[in-house]
Amino acid sequence: MNQDQVKSALLSIEDAPMEFQVIFSGKKSGRVNGLYKPDTREIIIHNRNFLQEGKQDDNLLLYTAIHEYAHHLHACSRGGRLSARSHTAEFWAILHGLLEKAEAKKVYRNVFADSPELIALTQRIREKYLVENGELFKELGEQLLKAHELCETIGARFEDYVDRVLCIPRVAAQMAIKMFQYDLNPKVGPDNMRFLAGIRNDDDRAAAEKALISGKSPDAVKIAVKGGSPALPGKPPREEDIKERLEKEKHRLERTIDSLSKRLTEVEKELDAL
């Protein structure tokens, strides 16, 4: 693939509100495969990193391109600017969404589905460790709830029991209890169960759990819970959610227009100076 083909592939996945360039450096880098320059909106790809036995690995190159394109789209949503910390949950949510679209459109190949050994290992990790550990945490929550009742019966403080007898953090104990009370699905694993236990709204929690089970990444679900886009599946948008989303989009568009107008003025000045 050349630079133009890569850019065409990126635009076929999702259009960008701001113009950008894809540039092959023609170099090999031991540090990074690519980078994004928000000031010039350039996606730089060290294309020689993807040569294997003299042949270019287009799929791996495309992954790097999609990664850097996610930075560009993230910058577009912020009026062309990026913060010093670029790999935020919002960025990962954008990237994972792009990869899903790219796989669905056959632009990018799902490499995780190519290895029978990895597929078998993934199944073992899910069933043996994620689900079983999730079930253990849920059972722990049930036993802690019983301990809470016994503490009340004997006139003791449950927090003191957790601190000095079990010697576990109170937050961990409360999370385990919520996992049991909310009847969370152990299929999502203990870490995601902790995240779900922290969601107070029943509808949001149920929608988030459904999204995780369907294969959405934790970052994508967390952003959706916070009111980002896309919305959680199975959760009908409320009227105020729609209004808030439109107001945010309007603000982003206004910042984008302002940024483009400033850049247009700069280009016109540069042209006049030639």
Protein backbone atom coordinates (compact mmCIF):
# COMPACT_ATOMS: atom_id res chain seq x y z
CA MET A 1 0.00 0.00 0.00
CA ASN A 2 1.15 3.55 -0.68
CA GLN A 3 0.30 6.77 1.14
CA ASP A 4 -2.77 7.57 -0.95
CA GLN A 5 -4.17 4.06 -0.56
CA VAL A 6 -3.75 4.23 3.21
CA LYS A 7 -5.54 7.58 3.38
CA SER A 8 -8.34 6.25 1.19
CA ALA A 9 -8.69 3.23 3.48
CA LEU A 10 -8.90 5.45 6.57
CA LEU A 11 -11.58 7.65 5.02
CA SER A 12 -13.57 4.56 4.03
CA ILE A 13 -13.68 3.56 7.70
CA GLU A 14 -14.84 6.97 8.93
CA ASP A 15 -14.77 10.43 7.42
CA ALA A 16 -12.75 13.15 9.15
CA PRO A 17 -14.09 16.69 9.74
CA MET A 18 -10.58 18.11 9.22
CA GLU A 19 -8.13 17.52 6.37
CA PHE A 20 -5.06 15.39 7.14
CA GLN A 21 -2.08 13.89 5.37
CA VAL A 22 -0.55 10.42 5.44
CA ILE A 23 3.22 10.48 5.02
CA PHE A 24 5.55 7.49 4.68
CA SER A 25 8.87 8.42 6.28
CA GLY A 26 10.79 5.85 4.26
CA LYS A 27 12.66 5.05 7.48
CA LYS A 28 12.86 2.29 10.06
CA SER A 29 12.36 3.28 13.69
CA GLY A 30 13.18 1.21 16.75
CA ARG A 31 10.98 3.37 18.97
CA VAL A 32 7.61 3.79 17.25
CA ASN A 33 5.82 2.59 14.14
CA GLY A 34 4.11 5.92 13.58
CA LEU A 35 3.10 9.24 15.09
CA TYR A 36 0.55 12.00 14.69
CA LYS A 37 1.39 15.71 14.51
CA PRO A 38 -1.71 17.71 15.53
CA ASP A 39 -0.25 21.08 14.52
CA THR A 40 0.17 20.04 10.89
CA ARG A 41 -2.43 17.21 10.98
CA GLU A 42 0.10 14.73 9.60
CA ILE A 43 0.08 10.98 10.14
CA ILE A 44 3.69 9.83 9.88
CA ILE A 45 4.25 6.12 9.25
CA HIS A 46 7.71 4.53 9.41
CA ASN A 47 6.86 2.18 6.59
CA ARG A 48 10.17 0.30 6.64
CA ASN A 49 9.14 -1.10 10.04
CA PHE A 50 6.64 -3.31 8.23
CA LEU A 51 8.99 -5.04 5.81
CA GLN A 52 9.22 -8.78 6.39
CA GLU A 53 11.52 -10.71 4.06
CA GLY A 54 11.35 -7.82 1.63
CA LYS A 55 7.53 -7.74 1.61
CA GLN A 56 5.37 -5.14 3.31
CA ASP A 57 2.86 -6.30 5.94
CA ASP A 58 -0.08 -4.12 4.90
CA ASN A 59 -2.35 -5.28 7.73
CA LEU A 60 0.13 -4.32 10.44
CA LEU A 61 0.82 -1.04 8.66
CA LEU A 62 -2.93 -0.36 8.56
CA TYR A 63 -3.20 -0.96 12.29
CA THR A 64 -0.61 1.75 12.89
CA ALA A 65 -2.39 4.05 10.45
CA ILE A 66 -5.74 3.49 12.19
CA HIS A 67 -4.09 4.14 15.57
CA GLU A 68 -2.71 7.49 14.40
CA TYR A 69 -6.01 8.30 12.64
CA ALA A 70 -7.74 7.84 16.00
CA HIS A 71 -5.47 10.59 17.35
CA HIS A 72 -6.53 12.80 14.43
CA LEU A 73 -10.25 12.20 15.03
CA HIS A 74 -9.71 12.79 18.74
CA ALA A 75 -8.02 16.09 17.91
CA CYS A 76 -10.87 17.01 15.54
CA SER A 77 -13.36 16.52 18.37
CA ARG A 78 -11.32 19.03 20.40
CA GLY A 79 -11.07 21.70 17.74
CA GLY A 80 -7.77 20.42 16.37
CA ARG A 81 -5.96 20.31 19.71
CA LEU A 82 -4.66 17.44 21.84
CA SER A 83 -3.66 17.48 25.49
CA ALA A 84 -0.21 16.41 26.66
CA ARG A 85 -1.68 13.04 27.65
CA SER A 86 -2.89 11.70 24.32
CA HIS A 87 -3.67 8.07 25.20
CA THR A 88 -6.80 8.72 27.25
CA ALA A 89 -9.86 6.48 27.68
CA GLU A 90 -11.58 8.66 25.06
CA PHE A 91 -8.77 7.95 22.59
CA TRP A 92 -8.89 4.19 23.17
CA ALA A 93 -12.66 4.23 22.73
CA ILE A 94 -12.23 5.98 19.36
CA LEU A 95 -9.52 3.53 18.28
CA HIS A 96 -11.49 0.44 19.24
CA GLY A 97 -14.53 1.79 17.43
CA LEU A 98 -12.46 2.38 14.28
CA LEU A 99 -11.01 -1.13 14.40
CA GLU A 100 -14.49 -2.64 14.71
CA LYS A 101 -15.67 -0.67 11.68
CA ALA A 102 -12.51 -1.54 9.72
CA GLU A 103 -12.97 -5.25 10.43
CA ALA A 104 -16.66 -5.11 9.49
CA LYS A 105 -15.81 -3.41 6.18
CA LYS A 106 -12.94 -5.85 5.50
CA VAL A 107 -10.49 -2.96 5.40
CA TYR A 108 -8.51 -4.46 8.28
CA ARG A 109 -8.17 -8.16 9.08
CA ASN A 110 -9.00 -9.37 12.58
CA VAL A 111 -5.65 -11.00 13.41
CA PHE A 112 -6.99 -12.52 16.64
CA ALA A 113 -9.24 -14.80 14.59
CA ASP A 114 -6.35 -16.21 12.53
CA SER A 115 -4.69 -18.34 15.19
CA PRO A 116 -6.48 -21.51 16.42
CA GLU A 117 -3.99 -21.71 19.31
CA LEU A 118 -4.77 -18.15 20.44
CA ILE A 119 -8.52 -18.75 20.10
CA ALA A 120 -8.25 -21.84 22.33
CA LEU A 121 -6.09 -19.99 24.87
CA THR A 122 -8.54 -17.05 24.91
CA GLN A 123 -11.39 -19.43 25.69
CA ARG A 124 -9.39 -20.98 28.55
CA ILE A 125 -8.50 -17.54 29.98
CA ARG A 126 -12.12 -16.45 29.90
CA GLU A 127 -13.60 -19.60 31.41
CA LYS A 128 -10.84 -20.60 33.84
CA TYR A 129 -9.74 -17.21 35.14
CA LEU A 130 -12.14 -14.37 34.29
CA VAL A 131 -15.42 -16.18 34.92
CA GLU A 132 -14.20 -18.26 37.88
CA ASN A 133 -12.58 -15.26 39.58
CA GLY A 134 -15.71 -13.23 38.93
CA GLU A 135 -17.82 -15.92 40.56
CA LEU A 136 -15.46 -16.03 43.57
CA PHE A 137 -15.71 -12.25 44.07
CA LYS A 138 -19.49 -12.46 43.84
CA GLU A 139 -19.56 -15.28 46.41
CA LEU A 140 -17.24 -13.22 48.62
CA GLY A 141 -19.79 -10.41 48.49
CA GLU A 142 -22.52 -12.80 49.64
CA GLN A 143 -20.40 -14.02 52.58
CA LEU A 144 -19.44 -10.45 53.55
CA LEU A 145 -23.12 -9.52 53.58
CA LYS A 146 -23.73 -12.39 56.02
CA ALA A 147 -20.80 -11.20 58.13
CA HIS A 148 -22.35 -7.70 58.16
CA GLU A 149 -25.60 -9.12 59.55
CA LEU A 150 -23.73 -11.14 62.21
CA CYS A 151 -21.77 -8.06 63.25
CA GLU A 152 -25.03 -6.18 63.78
CA THR A 153 -26.38 -9.11 65.81
CA ILE A 154 -23.43 -9.08 68.23
CA GLY A 155 -23.23 -5.29 68.37
CA ALA A 156 -19.95 -4.97 66.47
CA ARG A 157 -18.90 -2.56 63.72
CA PHE A 158 -18.65 -4.31 60.36
CA GLU A 159 -15.97 -1.82 59.24
CA ASP A 160 -13.86 -2.80 62.25
CA TYR A 161 -14.29 -6.47 61.35
CA VAL A 162 -13.16 -5.78 57.78
CA ASP A 163 -10.19 -3.69 58.95
CA ARG A 164 -8.84 -5.76 61.84
CA VAL A 165 -10.10 -9.31 61.30
CA LEU A 166 -10.20 -9.81 57.53
CA CYS A 167 -7.50 -7.16 56.93
CA ILE A 168 -8.88 -6.15 53.54
CA PRO A 169 -9.63 -2.64 52.20
CA ARG A 170 -13.16 -1.43 52.97
CA VAL A 171 -13.65 -0.32 49.36
CA ALA A 172 -12.86 -3.85 48.13
CA ALA A 173 -15.36 -5.30 50.62
CA GLN A 174 -18.09 -2.87 49.55
CA MET A 175 -17.42 -3.59 45.86
CA ALA A 176 -17.72 -7.35 46.45
CA ILE A 177 -21.02 -6.84 48.28
CA LYS A 178 -22.38 -4.72 45.43
CA MET A 179 -21.32 -7.38 42.90
CA PHE A 180 -23.56 -9.82 44.76
CA GLN A 181 -26.43 -7.40 45.38
CA TYR A 182 -26.50 -6.25 41.75
CA ASP A 183 -26.25 -9.88 40.60
CA LEU A 184 -23.51 -9.00 38.12
CA ASN A 185 -22.57 -11.47 35.41
CA PRO A 186 -19.15 -13.06 36.22
CA LYS A 187 -18.60 -13.47 32.48
CA VAL A 188 -17.23 -9.92 32.30
CA GLY A 189 -14.45 -10.71 34.81
CA PRO A 190 -13.70 -9.24 38.26
CA ASP A 191 -12.19 -5.94 37.09
CA ASN A 192 -15.20 -5.11 34.91
CA MET A 193 -17.48 -6.22 37.75
CA ARG A 194 -15.82 -3.61 39.98
CA PHE A 195 -16.48 -0.99 37.31
CA LEU A 196 -20.12 -2.06 36.97
CA ALA A 197 -20.57 -2.06 40.75
CA GLY A 198 -19.65 1.62 40.74
CA ILE A 199 -22.54 2.54 38.38
CA ARG A 200 -25.51 3.65 40.47
CA ASN A 201 -28.15 3.89 37.76
CA ASP A 202 -29.74 0.47 37.17
CA ASP A 203 -30.41 1.06 33.46
CA ASP A 204 -26.88 2.37 32.83
CA ARG A 205 -25.37 -0.56 34.70
CA ALA A 206 -27.45 -3.13 32.80
CA ALA A 207 -26.62 -1.51 29.45
CA ALA A 208 -22.92 -1.35 30.33
CA GLU A 209 -22.88 -5.02 31.33
CA LYS A 210 -24.62 -5.97 28.08
CA ALA A 211 -22.08 -3.97 26.08
CA LEU A 212 -19.14 -5.64 27.82
CA ILE A 213 -20.58 -9.10 27.23
CA SER A 214 -21.11 -8.26 23.55
CA GLY A 215 -17.38 -7.54 23.20
CA LYS A 216 -17.14 -3.77 23.62
CA SER A 217 -13.88 -2.63 25.18
CA PRO A 218 -13.97 -1.33 28.79
CA ASP A 219 -12.77 2.12 27.66
CA ALA A 220 -15.54 2.37 25.05
CA VAL A 221 -18.15 1.41 27.65
CA LYS A 222 -16.77 3.83 30.25
CA ILE A 223 -16.91 6.72 27.77
CA ALA A 224 -20.47 5.77 26.79
CA VAL A 225 -21.53 5.66 30.45
CA LYS A 226 -20.11 9.16 30.92
CA GLY A 227 -22.30 10.40 28.08
CA GLY A 228 -19.89 9.99 25.20
CA SER A 229 -20.59 8.45 21.84
CA PRO A 230 -21.61 5.91 20.74
CA ALA A 231 -24.43 5.26 23.18
CA LEU A 232 -24.71 1.98 25.03
CA PRO A 233 -26.70 -0.73 23.22
CA GLY A 234 -30.07 -1.41 24.77
CA LYS A 235 -30.24 1.98 26.44
CA PRO A 236 -32.79 4.29 24.79
CA PRO A 237 -31.48 7.87 24.65
CA ARG A 238 -33.29 10.30 26.88
CA GLU A 239 -34.43 13.62 25.47
CA GLU A 240 -31.93 15.52 27.62
CA ASP A 241 -29.16 13.14 26.45
CA ILE A 242 -29.96 13.95 22.81
CA LYS A 243 -29.98 17.68 23.53
CA GLU A 244 -26.67 17.47 25.41
CA ARG A 245 -25.09 15.44 22.60
CA LEU A 246 -26.24 17.92 19.97
CA GLU A 247 -24.98 20.86 22.03
CA LYS A 248 -21.58 19.16 22.38
CA GLU A 249 -21.47 18.44 18.66
CA LYS A 250 -22.43 22.06 17.91
CA HIS A 251 -19.60 23.26 20.17
CA ARG A 252 -17.11 20.92 18.48
CA LEU A 253 -18.20 22.07 15.03
CA GLU A 254 -17.89 25.71 16.04
CA ARG A 255 -14.35 25.10 17.31
CA THR A 256 -13.48 23.20 14.14
CA ILE A 257 -14.82 26.02 11.94
CA ASP A 258 -12.88 28.56 13.98
CA SER A 259 -9.69 26.50 13.70
CA LEU A 260 -10.12 26.05 9.95
CA SER A 261 -10.85 29.75 9.48
CA LYS A 262 -7.63 30.67 11.28
CA ARG A 263 -5.67 28.19 9.21
CA LEU A 264 -7.23 29.52 6.00
CA THR A 265 -6.14 33.04 6.96
CA GLU A 266 -2.60 31.78 7.58
CA VAL A 267 -2.47 29.99 4.21
CA GLU A 268 -3.77 33.07 2.40
CA LYS A 269 -1.05 35.19 4.04
CA GLU A 270 1.61 32.66 3.05
CA LEU A 271 0.31 32.66 -0.55
CA ASP A 272 0.35 36.47 -0.68
CA ALA A 273 3.94 36.48 0.53
CA LEU A 274 5.09 34.21 -2.33
